[in-house]
Amino acid sequence: MLITHTPNTTYKQTLQLNGADYLVFKNISFSNAEEWGWPVELKSEATHNTFEGNKIYLATQAGKHDDYALVYANGSADSSN
């Protein structure tokens, strides 16, 4: 299964775990269709989530921009993932 999203200034992520806990993602591909943004974002104390056997993609030449990551978490409260 492939989940993809073309980011914009409001929604930069393909998957956002906003305070989500104890979710399991298995054998899913997450893709961001641009050179910036992030396929997976963890925020608001998202903890103990499991990613197993997944593929996470970012568009090629992502180095042109400084606003990109495969998995993004802005803070230390998003832990144990």
Protein backbone atom coordinates (compact mmCIF):
# COMPACT_ATOMS: atom_id res chain seq x y z
CA MET A 1 0.00 0.00 0.00
CA LEU A 2 1.30 3.46 -0.91
CA ILE A 3 0.11 6.61 0.83
CA THR A 4 1.27 9.81 -0.86
CA HIS A 5 0.62 13.52 -0.50
CA THR A 6 1.72 16.68 -2.26
CA PRO A 7 2.56 19.11 0.55
CA ASN A 8 1.49 22.71 0.79
CA THR A 9 2.29 25.45 3.30
CA THR A 10 -0.50 24.28 5.63
CA TYR A 11 -0.05 20.50 5.40
CA LYS A 12 3.59 19.49 4.94
CA GLN A 13 3.14 15.88 6.06
CA THR A 14 1.68 12.73 4.51
CA LEU A 15 0.98 11.12 7.90
CA GLN A 16 0.64 13.17 11.08
CA LEU A 17 0.45 11.50 14.48
CA ASN A 18 -0.91 14.33 16.63
CA GLY A 19 -0.76 12.96 20.18
CA ALA A 20 -1.38 9.42 18.90
CA ASP A 21 -0.10 6.58 21.07
CA TYR A 22 0.45 2.84 20.53
CA LEU A 23 -0.36 2.67 16.82
CA VAL A 24 1.29 0.04 14.62
CA PHE A 25 2.08 0.59 10.94
CA LYS A 26 3.27 -2.46 8.98
CA ASN A 27 4.37 -2.81 5.36
CA ILE A 28 3.11 0.60 4.19
CA SER A 29 4.94 3.04 1.94
CA PHE A 30 4.68 6.73 2.82
CA SER A 31 5.68 9.22 0.16
CA ASN A 32 5.95 12.96 -0.12
CA ALA A 33 5.54 14.11 -3.72
CA GLU A 34 7.64 17.28 -3.43
CA GLU A 35 11.21 18.30 -2.63
CA TRP A 36 10.23 19.62 0.82
CA GLY A 37 8.00 18.65 3.73
CA TRP A 38 8.02 15.33 5.54
CA PRO A 39 6.26 12.02 4.94
CA VAL A 40 5.77 11.32 8.68
CA GLU A 41 5.31 13.88 11.48
CA LEU A 42 5.10 13.10 15.20
CA LYS A 43 3.73 15.86 17.44
CA SER A 44 1.86 16.68 20.66
CA GLU A 45 3.40 13.86 22.69
CA ALA A 46 2.91 11.07 20.15
CA THR A 47 4.55 8.11 21.88
CA HIS A 48 5.06 4.34 21.63
CA ASN A 49 4.11 4.07 17.95
CA THR A 50 5.64 1.26 15.90
CA PHE A 51 6.77 1.42 12.27
CA GLU A 52 7.67 -2.07 11.02
CA GLY A 53 8.67 -3.04 7.49
CA ASN A 54 7.61 0.33 6.04
CA LYS A 55 9.25 2.38 3.31
CA ILE A 56 9.40 6.15 3.66
CA TYR A 57 10.20 8.20 0.56
CA LEU A 58 10.93 11.84 -0.16
CA ALA A 59 11.09 13.28 -3.67
CA THR A 60 14.54 13.31 -5.25
CA GLN A 61 16.84 16.27 -4.84
CA ALA A 62 15.38 17.13 -1.47
CA GLY A 63 18.66 18.83 -0.61
CA LYS A 64 17.58 21.96 -2.50
CA HIS A 65 15.43 22.98 0.47
CA ASP A 66 16.04 23.10 4.21
CA ASP A 67 12.46 22.21 5.17
CA TYR A 68 12.48 18.44 4.78
CA ALA A 69 12.90 15.20 6.72
CA LEU A 70 11.73 11.60 6.37
CA VAL A 71 10.35 11.57 9.91
CA TYR A 72 9.90 14.90 11.71
CA ALA A 73 9.31 15.56 15.41
CA ASN A 74 9.66 19.04 16.87
CA GLY A 75 10.30 18.38 20.54
CA SER A 76 11.45 15.77 22.98
CA ALA A 77 7.93 14.85 24.16
CA ASP A 78 7.47 12.68 21.04
CA SER A 79 9.46 9.70 22.28
CA SER A 80 9.66 5.91 22.27
CA ASN A 81 8.58 5.61 18.63
